[in-house]
Every structure is written in structure tokens, then in C-alpha cells.
Protein backbone atom coordinates (compact mmCIF):
# COMPACT_ATOMS: atom_id res chain seq x y z
CA MET A 1 92.52 116.53 97.96
CA ILE A 2 95.82 114.69 98.00
CA SER A 3 96.94 113.44 101.37
CA PHE A 4 100.22 111.90 102.65
CA TYR A 5 98.16 108.80 103.40
CA PHE A 6 97.78 108.20 99.68
CA TYR A 7 101.55 107.66 99.49
CA LEU A 8 101.64 105.46 102.61
CA TYR A 9 99.06 103.11 101.13
CA ALA A 10 100.95 103.06 97.83
CA LEU A 11 104.17 102.19 99.71
CA ALA A 12 102.44 99.41 101.65
CA THR A 13 101.05 97.99 98.34
CA SER A 14 104.41 98.03 96.68
CA ILE A 15 106.13 96.38 99.74
CA SER A 16 103.44 93.72 99.85
CA LEU A 17 104.18 92.74 96.27
CA ALA A 18 107.84 92.78 96.99
CA ILE A 19 107.49 90.43 100.01
CA LEU A 20 105.46 87.97 97.98
CA VAL A 21 108.06 87.80 95.26
CA TRP A 22 110.88 87.57 97.86
CA GLY A 23 109.21 84.41 99.11
CA LEU A 24 109.28 83.05 95.56
CA SER A 25 112.97 84.00 95.26
CA LEU A 26 113.77 81.81 98.32
CA TRP A 27 112.24 78.84 96.62
CA LEU A 28 114.05 79.54 93.28
CA ARG A 29 117.30 80.67 94.97
CA ASP A 30 117.26 83.55 92.49
CA VAL A 31 116.81 87.14 93.69
CA SER A 32 117.20 88.51 90.14
CA ILE A 33 113.50 87.89 89.65
CA VAL A 34 113.08 91.22 91.31
CA ASP A 35 113.92 92.74 87.94
CA SER A 36 110.73 91.18 86.52
CA ILE A 37 108.56 92.95 89.09
CA TRP A 38 110.41 96.29 89.28
CA SER A 39 107.97 98.02 86.92
CA LEU A 40 104.97 96.30 88.55
CA MET A 41 106.02 97.62 91.99
CA ILE A 42 105.52 101.10 90.50
CA ALA A 43 102.30 100.24 88.63
CA VAL A 44 100.58 98.72 91.74
CA CYS A 45 100.88 102.12 93.47
CA THR A 46 98.21 103.36 91.16
CA ILE A 47 95.63 101.03 92.86
CA PRO A 48 95.45 103.01 96.14
CA TYR A 49 95.64 106.26 94.21
CA LEU A 50 92.50 105.21 92.27
CA ILE A 51 90.67 103.92 95.33
CA LEU A 52 91.45 106.90 97.62
CA ALA A 53 90.95 109.72 95.09
CA PRO A 54 87.66 111.52 95.72
CA GLU A 55 86.86 111.41 91.98
CA VAL A 56 88.88 110.06 89.05
CA GLY A 57 88.24 111.47 85.62
CA ILE A 58 88.97 110.10 82.16
CA ARG A 59 92.44 111.66 82.26
CA GLY A 60 93.27 109.76 85.45
CA TYR A 61 92.19 106.45 84.00
CA LEU A 62 94.09 107.09 80.78
CA ILE A 63 97.32 107.79 82.66
CA THR A 64 96.78 104.67 84.78
CA CYS A 65 96.36 102.62 81.65
CA LEU A 66 99.61 104.12 80.18
CA VAL A 67 101.50 103.15 83.35
CA TRP A 68 100.19 99.56 83.29
CA VAL A 69 100.88 99.21 79.53
CA TRP A 70 104.50 100.28 80.20
CA ALA A 71 104.84 98.11 83.28
CA LEU A 72 103.36 94.90 81.85
CA ARG A 73 105.41 95.13 78.67
CA LEU A 74 108.65 95.66 80.56
CA SER A 75 107.88 92.99 83.13
CA GLY A 76 106.90 90.49 80.43
CA TYR A 77 109.97 91.17 78.34
CA ILE A 78 112.46 90.81 81.30
CA THR A 79 110.69 87.63 82.49
CA TRP A 80 110.92 86.08 79.00
CA ARG A 81 114.51 87.22 78.53
CA ASN A 82 115.67 85.73 81.85
CA TRP A 83 113.54 82.55 81.71
CA GLY A 84 115.73 79.48 82.36
CA ILE A 85 118.89 81.54 82.99
CA GLU A 86 120.79 81.39 86.29
CA GLU A 87 120.86 84.35 88.71
CA ASP A 88 122.20 87.53 87.19
CA HIS A 89 125.88 88.19 87.86
CA ARG A 90 125.08 91.49 89.66
CA TYR A 91 122.96 89.72 92.25
CA LYS A 92 125.53 86.93 92.61
CA GLU A 93 128.01 89.58 93.67
CA ILE A 94 125.53 91.08 96.15
CA ARG A 95 124.83 87.59 97.50
CA LYS A 96 128.55 86.91 97.96
CA ASN A 97 129.09 90.16 99.77
CA ASN A 98 126.19 89.65 102.16
CA GLU A 99 126.71 86.09 103.46
CA PRO A 100 125.82 84.59 105.86
CA ASN A 101 121.99 84.78 105.98
CA PHE A 102 121.69 86.45 102.58
CA GLU A 103 118.21 84.95 102.19
CA VAL A 104 116.92 87.11 105.05
CA LYS A 105 119.03 90.13 104.17
CA SER A 106 117.78 90.11 100.62
CA LEU A 107 114.33 90.95 101.82
CA TYR A 108 115.33 94.47 102.89
CA ILE A 109 118.53 95.20 100.85
CA ILE A 110 116.87 94.19 97.53
CA PHE A 111 113.14 93.76 97.62
CA VAL A 112 111.91 96.29 100.20
CA PHE A 113 114.52 98.80 99.06
CA GLN A 114 113.30 98.60 95.45
CA ALA A 115 109.66 98.80 96.57
CA PHE A 116 110.43 102.00 98.50
CA CYS A 117 112.15 103.50 95.43
CA ALA A 118 109.24 102.40 93.25
CA SER A 119 106.79 104.16 95.55
CA ILE A 120 108.86 107.42 95.26
CA ILE A 121 108.92 107.15 91.50
CA SER A 122 105.11 106.61 91.47
CA LEU A 123 104.59 110.00 93.04
CA SER A 124 104.50 111.71 89.64
CA LEU A 125 101.37 109.61 88.92
CA LEU A 126 99.47 110.67 92.07
CA PRO A 127 98.43 114.21 91.06
CA SER A 128 97.54 113.12 87.52
CA ILE A 129 95.15 110.45 88.90
CA ALA A 130 93.80 112.18 92.00
CA GLU A 131 93.51 115.82 90.80
CA LYS A 132 90.93 116.99 88.25
CA PHE A 133 92.85 120.15 87.27
CA ALA A 134 94.82 119.83 84.02
CA ASN A 135 96.81 122.07 81.76
CA GLY A 136 96.35 120.75 78.27
CA TRP A 137 99.80 121.83 76.96
CA PHE A 138 101.65 119.95 79.60
CA ASP A 139 99.51 116.89 78.85
CA TYR A 140 100.41 117.04 75.17
CA ILE A 141 104.16 117.19 76.08
CA GLY A 142 103.71 114.33 78.55
CA LEU A 143 101.92 112.15 75.99
CA PHE A 144 104.51 112.92 73.32
CA LEU A 145 107.37 111.96 75.64
CA PHE A 146 105.60 108.75 76.71
CA ILE A 147 105.03 107.65 73.13
CA VAL A 148 108.62 108.39 72.13
CA GLY A 149 109.98 106.62 75.20
CA PHE A 150 107.70 103.58 74.85
CA LEU A 151 108.61 103.16 71.17
CA PHE A 152 112.34 103.48 71.89
CA GLU A 153 112.06 100.84 74.67
CA SER A 154 109.94 98.39 72.72
CA ILE A 155 111.67 98.61 69.40
CA SER A 156 115.24 98.53 70.79
CA ASP A 157 114.38 95.52 73.00
CA TYR A 158 112.94 93.73 70.01
CA GLN A 159 115.91 94.54 67.80
CA LEU A 160 118.39 93.35 70.44
CA CYS A 161 116.39 90.13 70.97
CA ILE A 162 116.56 89.30 67.26
CA PHE A 163 120.33 89.92 67.27
CA LYS A 164 120.99 87.84 70.33
CA SER A 165 118.86 84.90 69.05
CA ASN A 166 121.69 84.08 66.59
CA PRO A 167 124.46 82.20 68.51
CA VAL A 168 127.03 83.68 66.09
CA ASN A 169 126.50 87.06 67.78
CA LYS A 170 127.34 85.85 71.26
CA VAL A 171 130.40 88.13 71.61
CA ARG A 172 129.53 90.63 68.90
CA VAL A 173 128.14 94.16 69.50
CA PHE A 174 124.85 95.15 67.98
CA ASP A 175 125.19 98.57 66.28
CA LYS A 176 122.16 98.64 63.98
CA GLY A 177 118.65 100.11 64.28
CA LEU A 178 118.21 102.36 67.34
CA TRP A 179 121.46 101.01 68.74
CA ARG A 180 123.27 102.89 65.99
CA TYR A 181 122.42 106.22 67.57
CA THR A 182 122.76 105.49 71.28
CA ARG A 183 124.40 102.68 73.22
CA HIS A 184 121.35 102.44 75.50
CA PRO A 185 118.13 103.17 73.56
CA ASN A 186 116.08 101.13 76.02
CA TYR A 187 117.25 103.13 78.97
CA PHE A 188 116.69 106.35 77.06
CA GLY A 189 113.15 105.21 76.39
CA ASP A 190 112.57 104.68 80.14
CA PHE A 191 113.97 108.15 80.69
CA CYS A 192 111.48 109.71 78.26
CA VAL A 193 108.51 107.73 79.69
CA TRP A 194 109.04 109.03 83.20
CA TRP A 195 109.72 112.64 82.22
CA GLY A 196 106.51 112.29 80.29
CA PHE A 197 104.62 111.29 83.45
CA PHE A 198 106.18 114.26 85.21
CA PHE A 199 104.74 116.60 82.61
CA PHE A 200 101.30 115.10 83.17
CA SER A 201 101.72 115.92 86.92
CA LEU A 202 102.87 119.44 85.92
CA GLY A 203 99.53 119.68 84.18
CA SER A 204 98.00 119.14 87.60
CA ASP A 205 100.21 121.98 88.94
CA SER A 206 102.43 119.60 90.99
CA TRP A 207 106.04 120.61 90.25
CA TRP A 208 107.16 118.86 93.46
CA THR A 209 106.84 115.47 91.77
CA ILE A 210 110.11 116.21 89.94
CA ILE A 211 111.68 113.89 92.49
CA SER A 212 110.19 111.02 90.49
CA PRO A 213 111.88 111.49 87.13
CA LEU A 214 115.12 112.62 88.85
CA LEU A 215 115.27 109.38 90.84
CA MET A 216 114.49 107.27 87.76
CA SER A 217 117.16 109.22 85.78
CA PHE A 218 119.72 108.56 88.53
CA PHE A 219 118.99 104.82 88.48
CA LEU A 220 119.25 104.71 84.70
CA LEU A 221 122.44 106.73 84.39
CA LYS A 222 124.41 106.12 87.60
CA PHE A 223 123.06 103.42 89.82
CA SER A 224 121.82 100.31 88.08
CA GLY A 225 121.67 101.13 84.40
CA VAL A 226 124.33 102.57 82.10
CA ALA A 227 127.11 102.83 84.69
CA VAL A 228 126.78 99.19 85.86
CA LEU A 229 126.42 97.67 82.38
CA GLU A 230 129.39 99.50 80.89
CA LYS A 231 131.65 98.34 83.75
CA THR A 232 131.41 94.67 82.65
CA ILE A 233 130.32 94.62 79.00
CA LYS A 234 133.79 95.33 77.62
CA THR A 235 135.15 92.11 79.11
CA ARG A 236 132.22 90.09 77.66
CA ARG A 237 132.20 91.85 74.26
CA PRO A 238 135.66 93.12 73.28
CA ALA A 239 134.28 94.95 70.24
CA TYR A 240 132.38 97.22 72.59
CA THR A 241 135.45 99.46 73.03
CA GLU A 242 135.31 100.36 69.35
CA TYR A 243 131.50 100.83 69.49
CA VAL A 244 131.98 103.36 72.30
CA LYS A 245 134.17 105.52 70.08
CA TYR A 246 131.55 106.40 67.57
CA THR A 247 128.21 105.92 69.37
CA ASN A 248 126.52 108.30 71.77
CA THR A 249 126.27 107.04 75.37
CA PHE A 250 122.67 107.86 76.19
CA PHE A 251 120.98 110.58 74.16
CA PRO A 252 120.50 109.57 70.49
CA GLY A 253 122.45 111.39 67.85
CA PRO A 254 124.48 110.94 64.66
CA ARG A 255 127.54 108.74 64.84
CA LYS A 256 130.75 110.41 65.77
CA LYS A 257 133.43 110.79 63.09
CA LEU A 258 136.73 109.37 64.20
């Protein structure tokens, strides 16, 4: 039976990882490394779920594997993308607004805060891992959404990497591949992945875990994803204004006719 203590152990595990990486950020003087462990702060929550569950079936282990595949790919990609680059401009702004003693403040306003949010998002994984009950139809929907989302994330990241590897494209806008149908195919992929995990938890008759995909959707659309990126990208890539006119913001679809 699921207990509130499951969540408390997951929260403690996520915060422990956050504190370790916070220490590394002090040495590097770069708090943007938190982006590299964001997905891992969610994935480590599965460890106490697995340990504390009375009995974990094949379904529980499968869903755990899906979470870790998603988390490791995203963490590896962001780490590789940011390697050797100075602190992200978003975090520079946060640093400037929280001086003096930003090094100490960053522990709770960035690392612990993100660990807390990660633990909330992980709640949709708890019933799927700890409960044996399953509704097959919901599982099929969940797996379909996960596959679609994972492919969107992986392929769009790869396509953008190839585009950015050419110095000629430094101020150009990529509008090919998946980026032709939505301005944020990677965020849309994340969206699908976590609504997929919610359907897995629905298969365990746990509708209350809807807080997980709702929080992830809020982050992707309003807090740290689409909204933040589109505030600054037009100044860095002037052609983006034209791109906006004929390309869907988030959900994929045919190009608009001007």
C-alpha cells in the first residue's frame, strides 16, 4: 500500500542529489549545471519507490527503465551541449538579482527548489511502480505517448545539433525536420512523455497524480520553457519573427498560410 513516507523518501533522495551538485556548482562558479541533473532529480525518486514497495512487478520495473532512459538521454544531451560554455544567461540574471551571497542562496532558490518540483513530478511514477493493479488500455496509451514524446525529443535535439554545428547558422533559424511543424518539438516531446507516465498511473487507478503532468506542462509552457526562450530568441536570431508567423508554437501542425 502506498504511504506518504514513500514521497518523503523520494524528496530526500532528490534533495541529496541537488546538494551534491550545488557543491560542484560552487567550485565551477556555474549554477546552470542544474539543468544537467534536472531529469536525474526526477529519476532518482524511483529508487525509494522500488525499495519501499511491498512487491514490484515486471510493469513497475519496465516503467522505471523508461524513466531512466528518458532521464539519462536528456541529462547526457544537456551536459554535452553546455560543455565548455559559460553560465547560461538566465542564471546570470538570477545571480545578479540575488547578490550578495548568491552562492548560499542558490542552494535553496535553484537546487532545492528544483529538487522539490522534481519530487512532485515523480508522483505519477509512484502508483505505477508500487501498485500491482493495472488497466491495460491506459498502459497502451501511456506507452504510445512515451514513445511519441521520446522520439520527438531525441530527433529534434539531434536535428538542431547538426544545424548549430555549422558556424554559418549562428544567427539563422532552423525550420526543417520536426522544427518545421512546431517551434518547440523538444518541449512537446517532454510534454508527451509525462502525460504518458500519467496514463500509466491511471492504469493503477491513481487519477490524483494528474498534478505531475500539469506541473511539467506549466514549466514547459509558462515558467522555464517556451515563455522564457521566446522572450530573448528574437534579439539573438532576427529571422525568428518571420518563423513565428508560419510555425505552430507548441503542438505540431501544418505550416500556416500567410
